[in-house]
PDB file of N, CA and C in Angstrom:
ATOM      1  N   UNK A   1      31.887 -29.162  12.247  1.00  0.00           N
ATOM      2  CA  UNK A   1      31.482 -30.056  11.193  1.00  0.00           C
ATOM      3  C   UNK A   1      30.275 -30.858  11.674  1.00  0.00           C
ATOM      4  N   UNK A   2      29.301 -30.999  10.804  1.00  0.00           N
ATOM      5  CA  UNK A   2      28.083 -31.721  11.154  1.00  0.00           C
ATOM      6  C   UNK A   2      28.118 -33.109  10.532  1.00  0.00           C
ATOM      7  N   UNK A   3      27.917 -34.115  11.326  1.00  0.00           N
ATOM      8  CA  UNK A   3      27.819 -35.485  10.833  1.00  0.00           C
ATOM      9  C   UNK A   3      26.340 -35.758  10.577  1.00  0.00           C
ATOM     10  N   UNK A   4      26.043 -36.257   9.406  1.00  0.00           N
ATOM     11  CA  UNK A   4      24.657 -36.444   8.991  1.00  0.00           C
ATOM     12  C   UNK A   4      24.304 -37.923   9.024  1.00  0.00           C
ATOM     13  N   UNK A   5      23.142 -38.215   9.527  1.00  0.00           N
ATOM     14  CA  UNK A   5      22.674 -39.599   9.511  1.00  0.00           C
ATOM     15  C   UNK A   5      21.510 -39.732   8.537  1.00  0.00           C
ATOM     16  N   UNK A   6      21.229 -40.930   8.144  1.00  0.00           N
ATOM     17  CA  UNK A   6      20.105 -41.183   7.240  1.00  0.00           C
ATOM     18  C   UNK A   6      18.774 -40.778   7.869  1.00  0.00           C
ATOM     19  N   UNK A   7      18.741 -40.694   9.182  1.00  0.00           N
ATOM     20  CA  UNK A   7      17.499 -40.358   9.874  1.00  0.00           C
ATOM     21  C   UNK A   7      17.270 -38.855  10.009  1.00  0.00           C
ATOM     22  N   UNK A   8      18.185 -38.052   9.486  1.00  0.00           N
ATOM     23  CA  UNK A   8      18.079 -36.593   9.579  1.00  0.00           C
ATOM     24  C   UNK A   8      17.072 -36.133   8.520  1.00  0.00           C
ATOM     25  N   UNK A   9      15.825 -35.965   8.904  1.00  0.00           N
ATOM     26  CA  UNK A   9      14.741 -35.668   7.965  1.00  0.00           C
ATOM     27  C   UNK A   9      14.075 -34.346   8.280  1.00  0.00           C
ATOM     28  N   UNK A  10      13.431 -33.811   7.266  1.00  0.00           N
ATOM     29  CA  UNK A  10      12.585 -32.639   7.415  1.00  0.00           C
ATOM     30  C   UNK A  10      13.326 -31.464   8.044  1.00  0.00           C
ATOM     31  N   UNK A  11      14.255 -30.909   7.289  1.00  0.00           N
ATOM     32  CA  UNK A  11      15.067 -29.817   7.787  1.00  0.00           C
ATOM     33  C   UNK A  11      14.749 -28.541   7.016  1.00  0.00           C
ATOM     34  N   UNK A  12      14.239 -27.534   7.709  1.00  0.00           N
ATOM     35  CA  UNK A  12      13.942 -26.231   7.109  1.00  0.00           C
ATOM     36  C   UNK A  12      13.073 -26.344   5.847  1.00  0.00           C
ATOM     37  N   UNK A  13      12.150 -27.297   5.872  1.00  0.00           N
ATOM     38  CA  UNK A  13      11.258 -27.491   4.733  1.00  0.00           C
ATOM     39  C   UNK A  13      11.818 -28.394   3.641  1.00  0.00           C
ATOM     40  N   UNK A  14      13.034 -28.844   3.800  1.00  0.00           N
ATOM     41  CA  UNK A  14      13.673 -29.761   2.853  1.00  0.00           C
ATOM     42  C   UNK A  14      13.607 -31.173   3.419  1.00  0.00           C
ATOM     43  N   UNK A  15      13.869 -32.160   2.571  1.00  0.00           N
ATOM     44  CA  UNK A  15      13.788 -33.548   3.025  1.00  0.00           C
ATOM     45  C   UNK A  15      14.840 -33.891   4.068  1.00  0.00           C
ATOM     46  N   UNK A  16      15.998 -33.220   4.042  1.00  0.00           N
ATOM     47  CA  UNK A  16      17.043 -33.472   5.032  1.00  0.00           C
ATOM     48  C   UNK A  16      18.062 -32.334   5.014  1.00  0.00           C
ATOM     49  N   UNK A  17      18.981 -32.387   5.952  1.00  0.00           N
ATOM     50  CA  UNK A  17      19.972 -31.331   6.109  1.00  0.00           C
ATOM     51  C   UNK A  17      20.888 -31.204   4.907  1.00  0.00           C
ATOM     52  N   UNK A  18      21.380 -32.320   4.376  1.00  0.00           N
ATOM     53  CA  UNK A  18      22.348 -32.224   3.278  1.00  0.00           C
ATOM     54  C   UNK A  18      21.728 -31.631   2.024  1.00  0.00           C
ATOM     55  N   UNK A  19      20.490 -31.957   1.733  1.00  0.00           N
ATOM     56  CA  UNK A  19      19.820 -31.385   0.563  1.00  0.00           C
ATOM     57  C   UNK A  19      19.662 -29.882   0.758  1.00  0.00           C
ATOM     58  N   UNK A  20      19.204 -29.482   1.929  1.00  0.00           N
ATOM     59  CA  UNK A  20      19.080 -28.058   2.254  1.00  0.00           C
ATOM     60  C   UNK A  20      20.433 -27.358   2.147  1.00  0.00           C
ATOM     61  N   UNK A  21      21.484 -27.990   2.662  1.00  0.00           N
ATOM     62  CA  UNK A  21      22.799 -27.375   2.688  1.00  0.00           C
ATOM     63  C   UNK A  21      23.356 -27.158   1.284  1.00  0.00           C
ATOM     64  N   UNK A  22      23.195 -28.123   0.401  1.00  0.00           N
ATOM     65  CA  UNK A  22      23.647 -27.958  -0.986  1.00  0.00           C
ATOM     66  C   UNK A  22      22.889 -26.813  -1.646  1.00  0.00           C
ATOM     67  N   UNK A  23      21.576 -26.787  -1.485  1.00  0.00           N
ATOM     68  CA  UNK A  23      20.773 -25.706  -2.072  1.00  0.00           C
ATOM     69  C   UNK A  23      21.188 -24.358  -1.501  1.00  0.00           C
ATOM     70  N   UNK A  24      21.438 -24.305  -0.205  1.00  0.00           N
ATOM     71  CA  UNK A  24      21.840 -23.061   0.443  1.00  0.00           C
ATOM     72  C   UNK A  24      23.136 -22.520  -0.147  1.00  0.00           C
ATOM     73  N   UNK A  25      24.131 -23.382  -0.301  1.00  0.00           N
ATOM     74  CA  UNK A  25      25.413 -22.938  -0.847  1.00  0.00           C
ATOM     75  C   UNK A  25      25.271 -22.455  -2.286  1.00  0.00           C
ATOM     76  N   UNK A  26      24.505 -23.166  -3.092  1.00  0.00           N
ATOM     77  CA  UNK A  26      24.342 -22.745  -4.488  1.00  0.00           C
ATOM     78  C   UNK A  26      23.538 -21.461  -4.567  1.00  0.00           C
ATOM     79  N   UNK A  27      22.452 -21.393  -3.827  1.00  0.00           N
ATOM     80  CA  UNK A  27      21.605 -20.189  -3.869  1.00  0.00           C
ATOM     81  C   UNK A  27      22.324 -18.951  -3.347  1.00  0.00           C
ATOM     82  N   UNK A  28      23.338 -19.134  -2.519  1.00  0.00           N
ATOM     83  CA  UNK A  28      24.021 -17.990  -1.914  1.00  0.00           C
ATOM     84  C   UNK A  28      25.430 -17.748  -2.435  1.00  0.00           C
ATOM     85  N   UNK A  29      25.799 -18.436  -3.503  1.00  0.00           N
ATOM     86  CA  UNK A  29      27.070 -18.191  -4.179  1.00  0.00           C
ATOM     87  C   UNK A  29      26.722 -17.719  -5.580  1.00  0.00           C
ATOM     88  N   UNK A  30      26.873 -16.437  -5.828  1.00  0.00           N
ATOM     89  CA  UNK A  30      26.367 -15.831  -7.060  1.00  0.00           C
ATOM     90  C   UNK A  30      26.816 -16.572  -8.325  1.00  0.00           C
ATOM     91  N   UNK A  31      28.072 -16.919  -8.393  1.00  0.00           N
ATOM     92  CA  UNK A  31      28.593 -17.603  -9.589  1.00  0.00           C
ATOM     93  C   UNK A  31      27.891 -18.950  -9.800  1.00  0.00           C
ATOM     94  N   UNK A  32      27.724 -19.712  -8.732  1.00  0.00           N
ATOM     95  CA  UNK A  32      27.062 -21.011  -8.845  1.00  0.00           C
ATOM     96  C   UNK A  32      25.581 -20.850  -9.130  1.00  0.00           C
ATOM     97  N   UNK A  33      24.962 -19.885  -8.460  1.00  0.00           N
ATOM     98  CA  UNK A  33      23.532 -19.620  -8.666  1.00  0.00           C
ATOM     99  C   UNK A  33      23.263 -19.294 -10.133  1.00  0.00           C
ATOM    100  N   UNK A  34      24.084 -18.412 -10.697  1.00  0.00           N
ATOM    101  CA  UNK A  34      23.926 -18.026 -12.099  1.00  0.00           C
ATOM    102  C   UNK A  34      24.130 -19.224 -13.018  1.00  0.00           C
ATOM    103  N   UNK A  35      25.132 -20.022 -12.735  1.00  0.00           N
ATOM    104  CA  UNK A  35      25.402 -21.217 -13.539  1.00  0.00           C
ATOM    105  C   UNK A  35      24.228 -22.183 -13.506  1.00  0.00           C
ATOM    106  N   UNK A  36      23.715 -22.455 -12.320  1.00  0.00           N
ATOM    107  CA  UNK A  36      22.618 -23.410 -12.172  1.00  0.00           C
ATOM    108  C   UNK A  36      21.350 -22.879 -12.827  1.00  0.00           C
ATOM    109  N   UNK A  37      21.052 -21.632 -12.662  1.00  0.00           N
ATOM    110  CA  UNK A  37      19.820 -21.058 -13.217  1.00  0.00           C
ATOM    111  C   UNK A  37      19.848 -20.988 -14.745  1.00  0.00           C
ATOM    112  N   UNK A  38      21.027 -20.911 -15.351  1.00  0.00           N
ATOM    113  CA  UNK A  38      21.129 -20.858 -16.814  1.00  0.00           C
ATOM    114  C   UNK A  38      20.796 -22.194 -17.463  1.00  0.00           C
ATOM    115  N   UNK A  39      21.059 -23.288 -16.782  1.00  0.00           N
ATOM    116  CA  UNK A  39      20.970 -24.603 -17.398  1.00  0.00           C
ATOM    117  C   UNK A  39      19.636 -25.298 -17.328  1.00  0.00           C
ATOM    118  N   UNK A  40      18.617 -24.625 -16.822  1.00  0.00           N
ATOM    119  CA  UNK A  40      17.334 -25.282 -16.612  1.00  0.00           C
ATOM    120  C   UNK A  40      16.732 -25.776 -17.915  1.00  0.00           C
ATOM    121  N   UNK A  41      15.873 -26.763 -17.917  1.00  0.00           N
ATOM    122  CA  UNK A  41      15.480 -27.618 -16.785  1.00  0.00           C
ATOM    123  C   UNK A  41      16.469 -28.776 -16.590  1.00  0.00           C
ATOM    124  N   UNK A  42      16.535 -29.249 -15.366  1.00  0.00           N
ATOM    125  CA  UNK A  42      17.435 -30.334 -14.993  1.00  0.00           C
ATOM    126  C   UNK A  42      16.668 -31.583 -14.609  1.00  0.00           C
ATOM    127  N   UNK A  43      17.286 -32.710 -14.875  1.00  0.00           N
ATOM    128  CA  UNK A  43      16.835 -33.964 -14.282  1.00  0.00           C
ATOM    129  C   UNK A  43      17.621 -34.125 -12.977  1.00  0.00           C
ATOM    130  N   UNK A  44      17.215 -35.052 -12.157  1.00  0.00           N
ATOM    131  CA  UNK A  44      17.943 -35.318 -10.918  1.00  0.00           C
ATOM    132  C   UNK A  44      19.384 -35.727 -11.233  1.00  0.00           C
ATOM    133  N   UNK A  45      19.566 -36.518 -12.263  1.00  0.00           N
ATOM    134  CA  UNK A  45      20.907 -36.977 -12.649  1.00  0.00           C
ATOM    135  C   UNK A  45      21.785 -35.812 -13.103  1.00  0.00           C
ATOM    136  N   UNK A  46      21.220 -34.890 -13.856  1.00  0.00           N
ATOM    137  CA  UNK A  46      21.987 -33.741 -14.332  1.00  0.00           C
ATOM    138  C   UNK A  46      22.387 -32.803 -13.196  1.00  0.00           C
ATOM    139  N   UNK A  47      21.466 -32.568 -12.270  1.00  0.00           N
ATOM    140  CA  UNK A  47      21.798 -31.669 -11.158  1.00  0.00           C
ATOM    141  C   UNK A  47      22.844 -32.321 -10.263  1.00  0.00           C
ATOM    142  N   UNK A  48      22.786 -33.624 -10.110  1.00  0.00           N
ATOM    143  CA  UNK A  48      23.801 -34.343  -9.331  1.00  0.00           C
ATOM    144  C   UNK A  48      25.179 -34.153  -9.949  1.00  0.00           C
ATOM    145  N   UNK A  49      25.277 -34.324 -11.254  1.00  0.00           N
ATOM    146  CA  UNK A  49      26.560 -34.157 -11.937  1.00  0.00           C
ATOM    147  C   UNK A  49      27.067 -32.722 -11.816  1.00  0.00           C
ATOM    148  N   UNK A  50      26.170 -31.756 -11.962  1.00  0.00           N
ATOM    149  CA  UNK A  50      26.573 -30.358 -11.873  1.00  0.00           C
ATOM    150  C   UNK A  50      27.042 -30.006 -10.462  1.00  0.00           C
ATOM    151  N   UNK A  51      26.299 -30.424  -9.456  1.00  0.00           N
ATOM    152  CA  UNK A  51      26.675 -30.128  -8.071  1.00  0.00           C
ATOM    153  C   UNK A  51      28.026 -30.762  -7.752  1.00  0.00           C
ATOM    154  N   UNK A  52      28.232 -31.989  -8.175  1.00  0.00           N
ATOM    155  CA  UNK A  52      29.509 -32.653  -7.905  1.00  0.00           C
ATOM    156  C   UNK A  52      30.651 -31.990  -8.670  1.00  0.00           C
ATOM    157  N   UNK A  53      30.343 -31.376  -9.804  1.00  0.00           N
ATOM    158  CA  UNK A  53      31.360 -30.612 -10.536  1.00  0.00           C
ATOM    159  C   UNK A  53      31.688 -29.320  -9.786  1.00  0.00           C
ATOM    160  N   UNK A  54      30.661 -28.621  -9.310  1.00  0.00           N
ATOM    161  CA  UNK A  54      30.868 -27.362  -8.603  1.00  0.00           C
ATOM    162  C   UNK A  54      31.513 -27.566  -7.236  1.00  0.00           C
ATOM    163  N   UNK A  55      31.107 -28.628  -6.544  1.00  0.00           N
ATOM    164  CA  UNK A  55      31.595 -28.894  -5.180  1.00  0.00           C
ATOM    165  C   UNK A  55      31.992 -30.366  -5.066  1.00  0.00           C
ATOM    166  N   UNK A  56      33.118 -30.757  -5.663  1.00  0.00           N
ATOM    167  CA  UNK A  56      33.475 -32.174  -5.696  1.00  0.00           C
ATOM    168  C   UNK A  56      33.676 -32.816  -4.324  1.00  0.00           C
ATOM    169  N   UNK A  57      33.982 -32.025  -3.309  1.00  0.00           N
ATOM    170  CA  UNK A  57      34.209 -32.569  -1.971  1.00  0.00           C
ATOM    171  C   UNK A  57      33.087 -32.214  -1.011  1.00  0.00           C
ATOM    172  N   UNK A  58      31.964 -31.795  -1.542  1.00  0.00           N
ATOM    173  CA  UNK A  58      30.850 -31.379  -0.699  1.00  0.00           C
ATOM    174  C   UNK A  58      30.952 -29.902  -0.377  1.00  0.00           C
ATOM    175  N   UNK A  59      29.986 -29.400   0.352  1.00  0.00           N
ATOM    176  CA  UNK A  59      30.020 -28.000   0.773  1.00  0.00           C
ATOM    177  C   UNK A  59      31.051 -27.845   1.880  1.00  0.00           C
ATOM    178  N   UNK A  60      31.333 -26.613   2.229  1.00  0.00           N
ATOM    179  CA  UNK A  60      32.282 -26.360   3.313  1.00  0.00           C
ATOM    180  C   UNK A  60      31.776 -26.914   4.642  1.00  0.00           C
ATOM    181  N   UNK A  61      30.480 -27.173   4.742  1.00  0.00           N
ATOM    182  CA  UNK A  61      29.889 -27.706   5.972  1.00  0.00           C
ATOM    183  C   UNK A  61      29.863 -29.231   6.021  1.00  0.00           C
ATOM    184  N   UNK A  62      30.176 -29.874   4.916  1.00  0.00           N
ATOM    185  CA  UNK A  62      30.110 -31.329   4.848  1.00  0.00           C
ATOM    186  C   UNK A  62      31.482 -31.943   5.096  1.00  0.00           C
ATOM    187  N   UNK A  63      31.488 -33.214   5.361  1.00  0.00           N
ATOM    188  CA  UNK A  63      32.758 -33.934   5.471  1.00  0.00           C
ATOM    189  C   UNK A  63      33.399 -33.982   4.093  1.00  0.00           C
ATOM    190  N   UNK A  64      34.689 -33.891   4.034  1.00  0.00           N
ATOM    191  CA  UNK A  64      35.385 -33.805   2.762  1.00  0.00           C
ATOM    192  C   UNK A  64      35.421 -35.109   1.981  1.00  0.00           C
ATOM    193  N   UNK A  65      35.042 -36.212   2.566  1.00  0.00           N
ATOM    194  CA  UNK A  65      35.085 -37.469   1.821  1.00  0.00           C
ATOM    195  C   UNK A  65      33.905 -37.603   0.859  1.00  0.00           C
ATOM    196  N   UNK A  66      32.975 -36.643   0.887  1.00  0.00           N
ATOM    197  CA  UNK A  66      31.847 -36.654  -0.038  1.00  0.00           C
ATOM    198  C   UNK A  66      30.773 -37.666   0.299  1.00  0.00           C
ATOM    199  N   UNK A  67      30.942 -38.399   1.396  1.00  0.00           N
ATOM    200  CA  UNK A  67      29.985 -39.438   1.768  1.00  0.00           C
ATOM    201  C   UNK A  67      28.573 -38.888   1.900  1.00  0.00           C
ATOM    202  N   UNK A  68      28.431 -37.676   2.366  1.00  0.00           N
ATOM    203  CA  UNK A  68      27.102 -37.137   2.609  1.00  0.00           C
ATOM    204  C   UNK A  68      26.330 -36.897   1.323  1.00  0.00           C
ATOM    205  N   UNK A  69      26.984 -36.855   0.171  1.00  0.00           N
ATOM    206  CA  UNK A  69      26.247 -36.735  -1.080  1.00  0.00           C
ATOM    207  C   UNK A  69      25.288 -37.917  -1.271  1.00  0.00           C
ATOM    208  N   UNK A  70      25.585 -39.037  -0.641  1.00  0.00           N
ATOM    209  CA  UNK A  70      24.720 -40.209  -0.757  1.00  0.00           C
ATOM    210  C   UNK A  70      23.328 -39.937  -0.202  1.00  0.00           C
ATOM    211  N   UNK A  71      23.178 -38.911   0.629  1.00  0.00           N
ATOM    212  CA  UNK A  71      21.895 -38.624   1.273  1.00  0.00           C
ATOM    213  C   UNK A  71      21.154 -37.437   0.656  1.00  0.00           C
ATOM    214  N   UNK A  72      21.732 -36.855  -0.385  1.00  0.00           N
ATOM    215  CA  UNK A  72      21.077 -35.713  -1.029  1.00  0.00           C
ATOM    216  C   UNK A  72      19.877 -36.201  -1.830  1.00  0.00           C
ATOM    217  N   UNK A  73      18.778 -35.486  -1.734  1.00  0.00           N
ATOM    218  CA  UNK A  73      17.593 -35.769  -2.548  1.00  0.00           C
ATOM    219  C   UNK A  73      17.758 -34.990  -3.851  1.00  0.00           C
ATOM    220  N   UNK A  74      18.324 -35.636  -4.849  1.00  0.00           N
ATOM    221  CA  UNK A  74      18.657 -34.969  -6.111  1.00  0.00           C
ATOM    222  C   UNK A  74      17.413 -34.495  -6.854  1.00  0.00           C
ATOM    223  N   UNK A  75      16.319 -35.233  -6.765  1.00  0.00           N
ATOM    224  CA  UNK A  75      15.087 -34.797  -7.420  1.00  0.00           C
ATOM    225  C   UNK A  75      14.551 -33.521  -6.776  1.00  0.00           C
ATOM    226  N   UNK A  76      14.631 -33.449  -5.469  1.00  0.00           N
ATOM    227  CA  UNK A  76      14.191 -32.246  -4.778  1.00  0.00           C
ATOM    228  C   UNK A  76      15.013 -31.038  -5.214  1.00  0.00           C
ATOM    229  N   UNK A  77      16.334 -31.216  -5.348  1.00  0.00           N
ATOM    230  CA  UNK A  77      17.180 -30.122  -5.821  1.00  0.00           C
ATOM    231  C   UNK A  77      16.849 -29.745  -7.259  1.00  0.00           C
ATOM    232  N   UNK A  78      16.656 -30.743  -8.110  1.00  0.00           N
ATOM    233  CA  UNK A  78      16.285 -30.439  -9.507  1.00  0.00           C
ATOM    234  C   UNK A  78      14.982 -29.649  -9.551  1.00  0.00           C
ATOM    235  N   UNK A  79      14.015 -30.051  -8.788  1.00  0.00           N
ATOM    236  CA  UNK A  79      12.732 -29.319  -8.754  1.00  0.00           C
ATOM    237  C   UNK A  79      12.941 -27.900  -8.261  1.00  0.00           C
ATOM    238  N   UNK A  80      13.771 -27.726  -7.254  1.00  0.00           N
ATOM    239  CA  UNK A  80      14.046 -26.388  -6.712  1.00  0.00           C
ATOM    240  C   UNK A  80      14.704 -25.496  -7.757  1.00  0.00           C
ATOM    241  N   UNK A  81      15.722 -26.004  -8.426  1.00  0.00           N
ATOM    242  CA  UNK A  81      16.439 -25.184  -9.400  1.00  0.00           C
ATOM    243  C   UNK A  81      15.653 -24.991 -10.697  1.00  0.00           C
ATOM    244  N   UNK A  82      14.727 -25.873 -10.992  1.00  0.00           N
ATOM    245  CA  UNK A  82      13.886 -25.724 -12.185  1.00  0.00           C
ATOM    246  C   UNK A  82      12.755 -24.728 -11.965  1.00  0.00           C
ATOM    247  N   UNK A  83      12.415 -24.467 -10.723  1.00  0.00           N
ATOM    248  CA  UNK A  83      11.303 -23.563 -10.420  1.00  0.00           C
ATOM    249  C   UNK A  83      11.661 -22.138 -10.861  1.00  0.00           C
ATOM    250  N   UNK A  84      10.661 -21.425 -11.250  1.00  0.00           N
ATOM    251  CA  UNK A  84      10.897 -20.045 -11.704  1.00  0.00           C
ATOM    252  C   UNK A  84      11.194 -19.126 -10.553  1.00  0.00           C
TER     253      UNK A  84
END
């Protein structure tokens, strides 16, 4: 399990590890990928609600208390999922 700090920045081209990790799980889970791609375009608020619906306790790599969602860059995820 990876503990994430607010200082964890610039990970694999993303703003931080948790944002990258959420995108990775959605992009690599066919059912979630299809669901997310159907609903475009998203605002940051909408993608946050959808991600929390799909993974209410975080990804399998996150702590189960969901605390790490506080560090997700929701706008970055919305931009990623809105891109063609």
